[in-house]
Amino acid sequence: MNRFQTEKRRPFHRLLLPALVFLCLMCFLFYGMSSVSFATQKEEERSLKQAVIKSAVHCYAVEGSYPESLTYLEEHYGITYDHDKYLVTYEVVGSNLMPDVDVIPLNNREVAP
């Protein structure tokens, strides 16, 4: 055995483990960001629906009847939302019955966590 003889080192094998760890960390980071994005989108939908319902109830309390359209709520009660991102359906049943409100996201980029 020659103590001065050097063994050929394989740099590929030395870098394989750190590269795999880095890729795993990046996958976990991407998964976490997509799940936060999905939760934020659902929270925005819920918040918009609640805002429309609260404004309709406020209109009923002040004026004695529910508004006839979503446009009326936008003009008189300050409801604003991104029309390119969400479709809000506002169906009036009667002037003294609460309208049916649905919020539908227009971009169907559903990212399942």
N, C-alpha and C. Protein backbone atom coordinates (compact mmCIF):
# COMPACT_ATOMS: atom_id res chain seq x y z
N MET A 1 0.84 -1.17 0.00
CA MET A 1 0.00 0.00 0.00
C MET A 1 0.89 1.24 0.00
N ASN A 2 0.69 2.04 -0.94
CA ASN A 2 1.48 3.26 -1.07
C ASN A 2 0.69 4.41 -0.45
N ARG A 3 1.27 5.02 0.55
CA ARG A 3 0.52 6.07 1.23
C ARG A 3 0.50 7.37 0.46
N PHE A 4 1.31 7.51 -0.57
CA PHE A 4 1.31 8.73 -1.38
C PHE A 4 0.45 8.59 -2.64
N GLN A 5 -0.06 7.43 -2.83
CA GLN A 5 -0.90 7.23 -4.00
C GLN A 5 -2.27 7.83 -3.73
N THR A 6 -2.70 8.65 -4.65
CA THR A 6 -4.01 9.30 -4.47
C THR A 6 -5.07 8.52 -5.24
N GLU A 7 -6.22 8.49 -4.65
CA GLU A 7 -7.33 7.79 -5.26
C GLU A 7 -8.11 8.76 -6.14
N LYS A 8 -8.57 8.28 -7.26
CA LYS A 8 -9.36 9.15 -8.14
C LYS A 8 -10.69 9.46 -7.46
N ARG A 9 -10.97 10.73 -7.38
CA ARG A 9 -12.22 11.14 -6.74
C ARG A 9 -13.27 11.34 -7.82
N ARG A 10 -14.45 11.04 -7.46
CA ARG A 10 -15.55 11.20 -8.39
C ARG A 10 -16.43 12.35 -7.89
N PRO A 11 -16.28 13.52 -8.51
CA PRO A 11 -17.04 14.67 -8.03
C PRO A 11 -18.55 14.51 -8.26
N PHE A 12 -18.93 13.71 -9.22
CA PHE A 12 -20.35 13.51 -9.48
C PHE A 12 -21.05 12.88 -8.29
N HIS A 13 -20.42 11.90 -7.69
CA HIS A 13 -21.02 11.22 -6.54
C HIS A 13 -21.06 12.12 -5.31
N ARG A 14 -20.11 13.02 -5.20
CA ARG A 14 -20.11 13.95 -4.06
C ARG A 14 -21.22 14.98 -4.18
N LEU A 15 -21.60 15.33 -5.40
CA LEU A 15 -22.63 16.35 -5.61
C LEU A 15 -24.03 15.78 -5.74
N LEU A 16 -24.14 14.48 -5.85
CA LEU A 16 -25.44 13.86 -6.05
C LEU A 16 -26.37 14.05 -4.86
N LEU A 17 -25.90 13.80 -3.67
CA LEU A 17 -26.74 13.94 -2.48
C LEU A 17 -27.18 15.39 -2.25
N PRO A 18 -26.30 16.38 -2.29
CA PRO A 18 -26.77 17.76 -2.12
C PRO A 18 -27.75 18.19 -3.22
N ALA A 19 -27.54 17.71 -4.43
CA ALA A 19 -28.46 18.06 -5.52
C ALA A 19 -29.84 17.46 -5.27
N LEU A 20 -29.89 16.23 -4.80
CA LEU A 20 -31.18 15.60 -4.49
C LEU A 20 -31.87 16.30 -3.33
N VAL A 21 -31.12 16.67 -2.31
CA VAL A 21 -31.70 17.41 -1.18
C VAL A 21 -32.25 18.75 -1.65
N PHE A 22 -31.51 19.44 -2.50
CA PHE A 22 -31.96 20.72 -3.04
C PHE A 22 -33.24 20.55 -3.85
N LEU A 23 -33.31 19.53 -4.69
CA LEU A 23 -34.52 19.29 -5.48
C LEU A 23 -35.71 18.97 -4.59
N CYS A 24 -35.50 18.19 -3.55
CA CYS A 24 -36.59 17.88 -2.61
C CYS A 24 -37.08 19.14 -1.91
N LEU A 25 -36.16 19.98 -1.49
CA LEU A 25 -36.54 21.23 -0.83
C LEU A 25 -37.32 22.14 -1.78
N MET A 26 -36.90 22.20 -3.03
CA MET A 26 -37.61 23.01 -4.02
C MET A 26 -39.02 22.48 -4.27
N CYS A 27 -39.17 21.16 -4.29
CA CYS A 27 -40.50 20.56 -4.46
C CYS A 27 -41.40 20.91 -3.27
N PHE A 28 -40.88 20.81 -2.06
CA PHE A 28 -41.66 21.17 -0.89
C PHE A 28 -42.04 22.65 -0.90
N LEU A 29 -41.12 23.50 -1.32
CA LEU A 29 -41.40 24.93 -1.41
C LEU A 29 -42.49 25.21 -2.43
N PHE A 30 -42.41 24.59 -3.59
CA PHE A 30 -43.43 24.77 -4.62
C PHE A 30 -44.79 24.28 -4.14
N TYR A 31 -44.81 23.12 -3.49
CA TYR A 31 -46.06 22.58 -2.95
C TYR A 31 -46.67 23.52 -1.92
N GLY A 32 -45.85 24.06 -1.05
CA GLY A 32 -46.34 24.99 -0.03
C GLY A 32 -46.89 26.26 -0.63
N MET A 33 -46.20 26.80 -1.63
CA MET A 33 -46.68 28.02 -2.26
C MET A 33 -47.99 27.79 -3.00
N SER A 34 -48.13 26.65 -3.67
CA SER A 34 -49.36 26.39 -4.40
C SER A 34 -50.52 26.16 -3.43
N SER A 35 -50.27 25.54 -2.31
CA SER A 35 -51.35 25.33 -1.35
C SER A 35 -51.76 26.64 -0.69
N VAL A 36 -50.83 27.54 -0.44
CA VAL A 36 -51.17 28.86 0.10
C VAL A 36 -51.95 29.66 -0.94
N SER A 37 -51.55 29.56 -2.19
CA SER A 37 -52.25 30.26 -3.27
C SER A 37 -53.68 29.76 -3.39
N PHE A 38 -53.88 28.46 -3.31
CA PHE A 38 -55.22 27.88 -3.39
C PHE A 38 -56.08 28.34 -2.22
N ALA A 39 -55.52 28.34 -1.02
CA ALA A 39 -56.27 28.78 0.16
C ALA A 39 -56.62 30.26 0.07
N THR A 40 -55.72 31.07 -0.46
CA THR A 40 -55.98 32.50 -0.62
C THR A 40 -57.10 32.75 -1.61
N GLN A 41 -57.11 31.99 -2.71
CA GLN A 41 -58.17 32.15 -3.70
C GLN A 41 -59.53 31.79 -3.11
N LYS A 42 -59.60 30.72 -2.36
CA LYS A 42 -60.86 30.33 -1.72
C LYS A 42 -61.31 31.38 -0.71
N GLU A 43 -60.38 31.96 0.02
CA GLU A 43 -60.72 33.00 1.00
C GLU A 43 -61.23 34.25 0.29
N GLU A 44 -60.64 34.61 -0.85
CA GLU A 44 -61.13 35.76 -1.62
C GLU A 44 -62.56 35.53 -2.09
N GLU A 45 -62.86 34.34 -2.57
CA GLU A 45 -64.22 34.02 -3.01
C GLU A 45 -65.21 34.15 -1.86
N ARG A 46 -64.85 33.59 -0.71
CA ARG A 46 -65.73 33.64 0.45
C ARG A 46 -65.94 35.08 0.91
N SER A 47 -64.87 35.86 0.92
CA SER A 47 -64.95 37.25 1.35
C SER A 47 -65.82 38.08 0.41
N LEU A 48 -65.68 37.86 -0.89
CA LEU A 48 -66.50 38.60 -1.86
C LEU A 48 -67.97 38.25 -1.71
N LYS A 49 -68.28 36.98 -1.53
CA LYS A 49 -69.68 36.57 -1.34
C LYS A 49 -70.26 37.20 -0.08
N GLN A 50 -69.49 37.19 1.01
CA GLN A 50 -69.97 37.79 2.26
C GLN A 50 -70.18 39.30 2.10
N ALA A 51 -69.31 39.97 1.36
CA ALA A 51 -69.45 41.41 1.15
C ALA A 51 -70.71 41.73 0.36
N VAL A 52 -71.01 40.94 -0.66
CA VAL A 52 -72.23 41.17 -1.45
C VAL A 52 -73.46 40.92 -0.59
N ILE A 53 -73.45 39.87 0.19
CA ILE A 53 -74.61 39.56 1.05
C ILE A 53 -74.79 40.65 2.11
N LYS A 54 -73.70 41.09 2.74
CA LYS A 54 -73.82 42.14 3.76
C LYS A 54 -74.33 43.44 3.16
N SER A 55 -73.88 43.77 1.96
CA SER A 55 -74.36 44.99 1.31
C SER A 55 -75.83 44.88 0.95
N ALA A 56 -76.26 43.71 0.51
CA ALA A 56 -77.68 43.51 0.19
C ALA A 56 -78.53 43.62 1.45
N VAL A 57 -78.07 43.05 2.55
CA VAL A 57 -78.81 43.15 3.81
C VAL A 57 -78.84 44.60 4.30
N HIS A 58 -77.73 45.30 4.14
CA HIS A 58 -77.68 46.71 4.53
C HIS A 58 -78.68 47.53 3.70
N CYS A 59 -78.73 47.25 2.41
CA CYS A 59 -79.69 47.93 1.54
C CYS A 59 -81.12 47.62 1.98
N TYR A 60 -81.39 46.38 2.35
CA TYR A 60 -82.72 46.00 2.81
C TYR A 60 -83.08 46.74 4.10
N ALA A 61 -82.11 46.89 4.99
CA ALA A 61 -82.36 47.58 6.25
C ALA A 61 -82.61 49.07 6.03
N VAL A 62 -81.91 49.67 5.08
CA VAL A 62 -82.04 51.11 4.84
C VAL A 62 -83.24 51.43 3.97
N GLU A 63 -83.41 50.68 2.87
CA GLU A 63 -84.42 51.03 1.88
C GLU A 63 -85.69 50.20 1.96
N GLY A 64 -85.69 49.11 2.70
CA GLY A 64 -86.90 48.31 2.85
C GLY A 64 -87.05 47.21 1.82
N SER A 65 -86.14 47.09 0.88
CA SER A 65 -86.19 46.01 -0.10
C SER A 65 -84.76 45.69 -0.54
N TYR A 66 -84.60 44.46 -1.00
CA TYR A 66 -83.28 44.07 -1.50
C TYR A 66 -83.04 44.73 -2.85
N PRO A 67 -81.79 45.02 -3.18
CA PRO A 67 -81.50 45.65 -4.48
C PRO A 67 -81.85 44.71 -5.63
N GLU A 68 -82.23 45.31 -6.75
CA GLU A 68 -82.67 44.51 -7.90
C GLU A 68 -81.51 43.95 -8.71
N SER A 69 -80.33 44.53 -8.56
CA SER A 69 -79.20 44.04 -9.35
C SER A 69 -77.89 44.26 -8.59
N LEU A 70 -76.89 43.58 -9.06
CA LEU A 70 -75.55 43.75 -8.49
C LEU A 70 -74.99 45.12 -8.85
N THR A 71 -75.39 45.63 -10.01
CA THR A 71 -74.94 46.96 -10.43
C THR A 71 -75.40 48.03 -9.45
N TYR A 72 -76.60 47.88 -8.90
CA TYR A 72 -77.10 48.83 -7.91
C TYR A 72 -76.21 48.82 -6.66
N LEU A 73 -75.79 47.63 -6.25
CA LEU A 73 -74.89 47.53 -5.09
C LEU A 73 -73.54 48.15 -5.39
N GLU A 74 -73.05 47.98 -6.62
CA GLU A 74 -71.77 48.57 -6.99
C GLU A 74 -71.84 50.09 -7.00
N GLU A 75 -72.94 50.64 -7.49
CA GLU A 75 -73.06 52.09 -7.61
C GLU A 75 -73.36 52.77 -6.28
N HIS A 76 -74.21 52.18 -5.45
CA HIS A 76 -74.68 52.86 -4.25
C HIS A 76 -74.07 52.37 -2.94
N TYR A 77 -73.52 51.17 -2.94
CA TYR A 77 -73.01 50.61 -1.69
C TYR A 77 -71.53 50.24 -1.74
N GLY A 78 -70.85 50.62 -2.80
CA GLY A 78 -69.39 50.50 -2.85
C GLY A 78 -68.82 49.11 -3.05
N ILE A 79 -69.59 48.20 -3.58
CA ILE A 79 -69.05 46.87 -3.86
C ILE A 79 -68.14 46.96 -5.08
N THR A 80 -66.91 46.53 -4.91
CA THR A 80 -65.96 46.47 -6.03
C THR A 80 -65.28 45.11 -6.01
N TYR A 81 -65.04 44.59 -7.20
CA TYR A 81 -64.31 43.33 -7.33
C TYR A 81 -63.72 43.26 -8.72
N ASP A 82 -62.82 42.35 -8.93
CA ASP A 82 -62.14 42.17 -10.21
C ASP A 82 -63.06 41.38 -11.14
N HIS A 83 -63.65 42.07 -12.12
CA HIS A 83 -64.58 41.43 -13.04
C HIS A 83 -63.88 40.43 -13.95
N ASP A 84 -62.58 40.56 -14.13
CA ASP A 84 -61.84 39.61 -14.95
C ASP A 84 -61.50 38.34 -14.19
N LYS A 85 -61.57 38.40 -12.88
CA LYS A 85 -61.18 37.25 -12.06
C LYS A 85 -62.39 36.46 -11.55
N TYR A 86 -63.50 37.16 -11.27
CA TYR A 86 -64.67 36.50 -10.70
C TYR A 86 -65.94 36.87 -11.46
N LEU A 87 -66.85 35.92 -11.51
CA LEU A 87 -68.19 36.16 -12.01
C LEU A 87 -69.12 36.04 -10.80
N VAL A 88 -69.85 37.11 -10.52
CA VAL A 88 -70.76 37.10 -9.38
C VAL A 88 -72.17 37.01 -9.94
N THR A 89 -72.88 35.94 -9.56
CA THR A 89 -74.28 35.81 -9.96
C THR A 89 -75.14 36.32 -8.82
N TYR A 90 -76.08 37.16 -9.17
CA TYR A 90 -76.96 37.79 -8.18
C TYR A 90 -78.38 37.59 -8.70
N GLU A 91 -79.09 36.63 -8.12
CA GLU A 91 -80.43 36.30 -8.58
C GLU A 91 -81.45 36.77 -7.56
N VAL A 92 -82.32 37.66 -8.01
CA VAL A 92 -83.35 38.22 -7.14
C VAL A 92 -84.58 37.33 -7.20
N VAL A 93 -85.07 36.92 -6.04
CA VAL A 93 -86.27 36.09 -5.95
C VAL A 93 -87.49 36.98 -5.75
N GLY A 94 -87.35 37.99 -4.94
CA GLY A 94 -88.41 38.95 -4.66
C GLY A 94 -87.82 40.11 -3.89
N SER A 95 -88.60 41.18 -3.76
CA SER A 95 -88.05 42.37 -3.11
C SER A 95 -87.86 42.17 -1.61
N ASN A 96 -88.57 41.20 -1.02
CA ASN A 96 -88.44 40.98 0.41
C ASN A 96 -87.75 39.64 0.75
N LEU A 97 -87.25 38.94 -0.27
CA LEU A 97 -86.51 37.69 -0.05
C LEU A 97 -85.04 37.90 -0.41
N MET A 98 -84.18 37.32 0.41
CA MET A 98 -82.75 37.50 0.17
C MET A 98 -82.36 36.90 -1.18
N PRO A 99 -81.60 37.65 -1.96
CA PRO A 99 -81.17 37.13 -3.27
C PRO A 99 -80.14 36.01 -3.12
N ASP A 100 -80.06 35.20 -4.17
CA ASP A 100 -79.08 34.12 -4.20
C ASP A 100 -77.79 34.66 -4.81
N VAL A 101 -76.69 34.55 -4.07
CA VAL A 101 -75.40 35.09 -4.51
C VAL A 101 -74.41 33.94 -4.65
N ASP A 102 -73.77 33.87 -5.81
CA ASP A 102 -72.71 32.89 -6.04
C ASP A 102 -71.51 33.60 -6.63
N VAL A 103 -70.32 33.18 -6.23
CA VAL A 103 -69.07 33.72 -6.77
C VAL A 103 -68.36 32.59 -7.49
N ILE A 104 -68.09 32.82 -8.78
CA ILE A 104 -67.47 31.80 -9.61
C ILE A 104 -66.13 32.34 -10.12
N PRO A 105 -65.04 31.64 -9.84
CA PRO A 105 -63.75 32.10 -10.38
C PRO A 105 -63.70 31.86 -11.88
N LEU A 106 -63.20 32.85 -12.62
CA LEU A 106 -63.15 32.74 -14.08
C LEU A 106 -61.91 32.01 -14.56
N ASN A 107 -60.82 32.10 -13.83
CA ASN A 107 -59.62 31.35 -14.23
C ASN A 107 -59.66 30.00 -13.54
N ASN A 108 -59.71 28.96 -14.31
CA ASN A 108 -59.85 27.61 -13.75
C ASN A 108 -58.49 26.98 -13.51
N ARG A 109 -57.65 27.68 -12.78
CA ARG A 109 -56.33 27.16 -12.44
C ARG A 109 -56.39 26.50 -11.07
N GLU A 110 -57.24 25.52 -10.92
CA GLU A 110 -57.38 24.85 -9.64
C GLU A 110 -56.11 24.05 -9.36
N VAL A 111 -55.45 24.37 -8.29
CA VAL A 111 -54.24 23.66 -7.89
C VAL A 111 -54.59 22.90 -6.63
N ALA A 112 -54.71 21.61 -6.76
CA ALA A 112 -55.07 20.79 -5.61
C ALA A 112 -53.86 20.64 -4.69
N PRO A 113 -54.07 20.92 -3.40
CA PRO A 113 -52.95 20.78 -2.47
C PRO A 113 -52.59 19.34 -2.19
